[in-house]
Amino acid sequence: MEKLRKATLKYLEQQLEDYQTINDEIARRMLVLDFPWQESDTNIGGGRGSKISKEPESIMFRHMSDTELQTKLALKENCSKAVKIFEQDNQQYEIYKLRFLSSNYYSWREIADIMHFSVAMIYKKRYRLLKVLADIQGIKE
């Protein structure tokens, strides 16, 4: 079994942190795509544009072709799958809640103290927690 590198674990941890605000980020990106900035029209009272507008189709195309939005949607889907797996194990879900859902930012050492684990044990549990997300994303090292 190959172990995940330290940088990969940090990346996965950052993704779980980003997941907490992903709905806001997706909504913000959709607003940017749906209502792009346009320079004001100085031709007041001018003729109609020659562009045929199929607004729902063009919005959908912009959403599907925007890599930033697609990346955020993929992150949301992958993290949602991981959280569902965490929920099956009470201990793992409790660690997830303390680290990522708590309004207090608990370090791994503080989580070890709260849950009465050794620091080494909490880092093993952290690894298993992040490995779930890595497996969902197909990250192998």
C-alpha atoms as a PDB file:
ATOM      1  CA  MET A   1       0.000   0.000   0.000  1.00  0.00           C
ATOM      2  CA  GLU A   2       1.445   3.318  -1.058  1.00  0.00           C
ATOM      3  CA  LYS A   3       1.161   6.144   1.420  1.00  0.00           C
ATOM      4  CA  LEU A   4      -0.100   9.577   0.512  1.00  0.00           C
ATOM      5  CA  ARG A   5       2.533  12.300   0.613  1.00  0.00           C
ATOM      6  CA  LYS A   6       2.408  15.092   3.157  1.00  0.00           C
ATOM      7  CA  ALA A   7       1.616  17.681   0.452  1.00  0.00           C
ATOM      8  CA  THR A   8      -1.272  15.548  -0.828  1.00  0.00           C
ATOM      9  CA  LEU A   9      -2.707  15.224   2.673  1.00  0.00           C
ATOM     10  CA  LYS A  10      -2.505  18.994   3.079  1.00  0.00           C
ATOM     11  CA  TYR A  11      -4.254  19.453  -0.288  1.00  0.00           C
ATOM     12  CA  LEU A  12      -7.051  17.058   0.699  1.00  0.00           C
ATOM     13  CA  GLU A  13      -7.456  18.781   4.046  1.00  0.00           C
ATOM     14  CA  GLN A  14      -7.738  22.126   2.249  1.00  0.00           C
ATOM     15  CA  GLN A  15     -10.442  20.684   0.011  1.00  0.00           C
ATOM     16  CA  LEU A  16     -12.505  19.639   3.032  1.00  0.00           C
ATOM     17  CA  GLU A  17     -12.083  23.153   4.427  1.00  0.00           C
ATOM     18  CA  ASP A  18     -13.161  24.678   1.096  1.00  0.00           C
ATOM     19  CA  TYR A  19     -16.178  22.362   1.038  1.00  0.00           C
ATOM     20  CA  GLN A  20     -17.673  24.231   3.996  1.00  0.00           C
ATOM     21  CA  THR A  21     -18.258  27.335   1.840  1.00  0.00           C
ATOM     22  CA  ILE A  22     -18.630  25.690  -1.569  1.00  0.00           C
ATOM     23  CA  ASN A  23     -22.326  26.509  -2.008  1.00  0.00           C
ATOM     24  CA  ASP A  24     -21.594  30.223  -1.645  1.00  0.00           C
ATOM     25  CA  GLU A  25     -18.691  30.002  -4.067  1.00  0.00           C
ATOM     26  CA  ILE A  26     -20.800  28.133  -6.640  1.00  0.00           C
ATOM     27  CA  ALA A  27     -23.629  30.670  -6.355  1.00  0.00           C
ATOM     28  CA  ARG A  28     -21.164  33.550  -6.708  1.00  0.00           C
ATOM     29  CA  ARG A  29     -19.592  32.012  -9.808  1.00  0.00           C
ATOM     30  CA  MET A  30     -23.006  31.374 -11.382  1.00  0.00           C
ATOM     31  CA  LEU A  31     -23.949  35.013 -10.840  1.00  0.00           C
ATOM     32  CA  VAL A  32     -20.769  36.120 -12.572  1.00  0.00           C
ATOM     33  CA  LEU A  33     -21.555  33.836 -15.514  1.00  0.00           C
ATOM     34  CA  ASP A  34     -25.268  34.681 -15.683  1.00  0.00           C
ATOM     35  CA  PHE A  35     -24.807  38.448 -15.506  1.00  0.00           C
ATOM     36  CA  PRO A  36     -21.466  39.300 -17.110  1.00  0.00           C
ATOM     37  CA  TRP A  37     -20.281  42.878 -16.981  1.00  0.00           C
ATOM     38  CA  GLN A  38     -21.064  44.754 -20.173  1.00  0.00           C
ATOM     39  CA  GLU A  39     -19.923  48.163 -21.206  1.00  0.00           C
ATOM     40  CA  SER A  40     -22.786  50.665 -21.192  1.00  0.00           C
ATOM     41  CA  ASP A  41     -24.418  51.361 -24.523  1.00  0.00           C
ATOM     42  CA  THR A  42     -23.821  54.904 -25.771  1.00  0.00           C
ATOM     43  CA  ASN A  43     -26.176  54.432 -28.715  1.00  0.00           C
ATOM     44  CA  ILE A  44     -29.347  55.509 -26.949  1.00  0.00           C
ATOM     45  CA  GLY A  45     -32.420  54.669 -28.975  1.00  0.00           C
ATOM     46  CA  GLY A  46     -30.407  52.747 -31.529  1.00  0.00           C
ATOM     47  CA  GLY A  47     -31.636  49.745 -33.439  1.00  0.00           C
ATOM     48  CA  ARG A  48     -31.996  46.242 -32.177  1.00  0.00           C
ATOM     49  CA  GLY A  49     -29.005  43.985 -32.042  1.00  0.00           C
ATOM     50  CA  SER A  50     -28.539  41.343 -34.687  1.00  0.00           C
ATOM     51  CA  LYS A  51     -27.773  38.650 -32.114  1.00  0.00           C
ATOM     52  CA  ILE A  52     -30.445  35.986 -31.726  1.00  0.00           C
ATOM     53  CA  SER A  53     -30.900  35.451 -28.028  1.00  0.00           C
ATOM     54  CA  LYS A  54     -31.549  32.013 -26.643  1.00  0.00           C
ATOM     55  CA  GLU A  55     -30.755  33.000 -23.091  1.00  0.00           C
ATOM     56  CA  PRO A  56     -31.364  29.653 -21.304  1.00  0.00           C
ATOM     57  CA  GLU A  57     -29.170  27.821 -23.806  1.00  0.00           C
ATOM     58  CA  SER A  58     -26.376  30.372 -23.654  1.00  0.00           C
ATOM     59  CA  ILE A  59     -26.411  30.385 -19.837  1.00  0.00           C
ATOM     60  CA  MET A  60     -26.266  26.578 -19.767  1.00  0.00           C
ATOM     61  CA  PHE A  61     -23.397  26.579 -22.255  1.00  0.00           C
ATOM     62  CA  ARG A  62     -21.483  29.130 -20.150  1.00  0.00           C
ATOM     63  CA  HIS A  63     -22.017  26.998 -17.033  1.00  0.00           C
ATOM     64  CA  MET A  64     -20.908  23.794 -18.749  1.00  0.00           C
ATOM     65  CA  SER A  65     -17.838  25.348 -20.364  1.00  0.00           C
ATOM     66  CA  ASP A  66     -16.606  27.255 -17.318  1.00  0.00           C
ATOM     67  CA  THR A  67     -13.753  25.249 -15.783  1.00  0.00           C
ATOM     68  CA  GLU A  68     -13.827  27.121 -12.469  1.00  0.00           C
ATOM     69  CA  LEU A  69     -17.510  26.330 -11.942  1.00  0.00           C
ATOM     70  CA  GLN A  70     -17.058  22.709 -13.004  1.00  0.00           C
ATOM     71  CA  THR A  71     -14.137  22.333 -10.579  1.00  0.00           C
ATOM     72  CA  LYS A  72     -16.258  23.680  -7.727  1.00  0.00           C
ATOM     73  CA  LEU A  73     -19.152  21.381  -8.620  1.00  0.00           C
ATOM     74  CA  ALA A  74     -16.820  18.368  -8.729  1.00  0.00           C
ATOM     75  CA  LEU A  75     -15.369  19.334  -5.325  1.00  0.00           C
ATOM     76  CA  LYS A  76     -18.877  19.554  -3.880  1.00  0.00           C
ATOM     77  CA  GLU A  77     -19.831  16.150  -5.273  1.00  0.00           C
ATOM     78  CA  ASN A  78     -16.630  14.418  -4.108  1.00  0.00           C
ATOM     79  CA  CYS A  79     -16.726  15.909  -0.623  1.00  0.00           C
ATOM     80  CA  SER A  80     -20.430  15.088  -0.266  1.00  0.00           C
ATOM     81  CA  LYS A  81     -19.652  11.451  -1.042  1.00  0.00           C
ATOM     82  CA  ALA A  82     -16.820  11.486   1.507  1.00  0.00           C
ATOM     83  CA  VAL A  83     -19.020  13.008   4.228  1.00  0.00           C
ATOM     84  CA  LYS A  84     -21.636  10.302   3.640  1.00  0.00           C
ATOM     85  CA  ILE A  85     -18.928   7.713   4.230  1.00  0.00           C
ATOM     86  CA  PHE A  86     -17.736   9.577   7.361  1.00  0.00           C
ATOM     87  CA  GLU A  87     -21.295   9.505   8.728  1.00  0.00           C
ATOM     88  CA  GLN A  88     -21.253   5.705   8.736  1.00  0.00           C
ATOM     89  CA  ASP A  89     -18.517   5.714  11.395  1.00  0.00           C
ATOM     90  CA  ASN A  90     -19.447   7.792  14.452  1.00  0.00           C
ATOM     91  CA  GLN A  91     -15.837   8.336  15.490  1.00  0.00           C
ATOM     92  CA  GLN A  92     -14.706   9.435  12.044  1.00  0.00           C
ATOM     93  CA  TYR A  93     -17.691  11.763  11.675  1.00  0.00           C
ATOM     94  CA  GLU A  94     -17.025  13.279  15.102  1.00  0.00           C
ATOM     95  CA  ILE A  95     -13.425  14.015  14.076  1.00  0.00           C
ATOM     96  CA  TYR A  96     -14.701  15.566  10.827  1.00  0.00           C
ATOM     97  CA  LYS A  97     -17.180  17.753  12.731  1.00  0.00           C
ATOM     98  CA  LEU A  98     -14.585  18.950  15.232  1.00  0.00           C
ATOM     99  CA  ARG A  99     -12.014  19.804  12.589  1.00  0.00           C
ATOM    100  CA  PHE A 100     -14.140  21.194   9.767  1.00  0.00           C
ATOM    101  CA  LEU A 101     -17.620  22.070  11.054  1.00  0.00           C
ATOM    102  CA  SER A 102     -16.827  23.581  14.427  1.00  0.00           C
ATOM    103  CA  SER A 103     -16.850  27.352  14.807  1.00  0.00           C
ATOM    104  CA  ASN A 104     -13.707  26.868  16.909  1.00  0.00           C
ATOM    105  CA  TYR A 105     -10.749  25.946  14.777  1.00  0.00           C
ATOM    106  CA  TYR A 106      -9.456  22.873  16.572  1.00  0.00           C
ATOM    107  CA  SER A 107      -5.968  21.660  15.767  1.00  0.00           C
ATOM    108  CA  TRP A 108      -5.350  17.942  15.451  1.00  0.00           C
ATOM    109  CA  ARG A 109      -3.697  17.971  18.888  1.00  0.00           C
ATOM    110  CA  GLU A 110      -6.740  19.638  20.444  1.00  0.00           C
ATOM    111  CA  ILE A 111      -9.019  17.084  18.791  1.00  0.00           C
ATOM    112  CA  ALA A 112      -6.842  14.321  20.257  1.00  0.00           C
ATOM    113  CA  ASP A 113      -7.311  15.852  23.722  1.00  0.00           C
ATOM    114  CA  ILE A 114     -11.069  16.277  23.286  1.00  0.00           C
ATOM    115  CA  MET A 115     -11.552  12.713  22.071  1.00  0.00           C
ATOM    116  CA  HIS A 116      -9.021  11.221  24.521  1.00  0.00           C
ATOM    117  CA  PHE A 117      -6.670   9.863  21.848  1.00  0.00           C
ATOM    118  CA  SER A 118      -2.930  10.055  21.630  1.00  0.00           C
ATOM    119  CA  VAL A 119      -1.569  12.492  19.052  1.00  0.00           C
ATOM    120  CA  ALA A 120      -0.197   9.578  17.021  1.00  0.00           C
ATOM    121  CA  MET A 121      -3.628   7.922  16.978  1.00  0.00           C
ATOM    122  CA  ILE A 122      -5.423  11.098  15.860  1.00  0.00           C
ATOM    123  CA  TYR A 123      -2.971  11.494  12.969  1.00  0.00           C
ATOM    124  CA  LYS A 124      -3.655   7.883  11.927  1.00  0.00           C
ATOM    125  CA  LYS A 125      -7.367   8.656  12.006  1.00  0.00           C
ATOM    126  CA  ARG A 126      -6.729  11.873  10.070  1.00  0.00           C
ATOM    127  CA  TYR A 127      -4.906   9.878   7.425  1.00  0.00           C
ATOM    128  CA  ARG A 128      -7.819   7.442   7.101  1.00  0.00           C
ATOM    129  CA  LEU A 129     -10.274  10.337   6.902  1.00  0.00           C
ATOM    130  CA  LEU A 130      -8.321  12.042   4.102  1.00  0.00           C
ATOM    131  CA  LYS A 131      -7.681   8.714   2.357  1.00  0.00           C
ATOM    132  CA  VAL A 132     -11.445   8.348   1.844  1.00  0.00           C
ATOM    133  CA  LEU A 133     -11.505  11.610  -0.124  1.00  0.00           C
ATOM    134  CA  ALA A 134      -8.350  10.621  -2.025  1.00  0.00           C
ATOM    135  CA  ASP A 135      -9.945   7.310  -3.058  1.00  0.00           C
ATOM    136  CA  ILE A 136     -13.101   9.081  -4.255  1.00  0.00           C
ATOM    137  CA  GLN A 137     -10.998  11.470  -6.336  1.00  0.00           C
ATOM    138  CA  GLY A 138      -8.812   8.674  -7.664  1.00  0.00           C
ATOM    139  CA  ILE A 139      -5.627  10.092  -6.119  1.00  0.00           C
ATOM    140  CA  LYS A 140      -2.971   7.406  -5.911  1.00  0.00           C
ATOM    141  CA  GLU A 141       0.710   7.788  -5.135  1.00  0.00           C
END
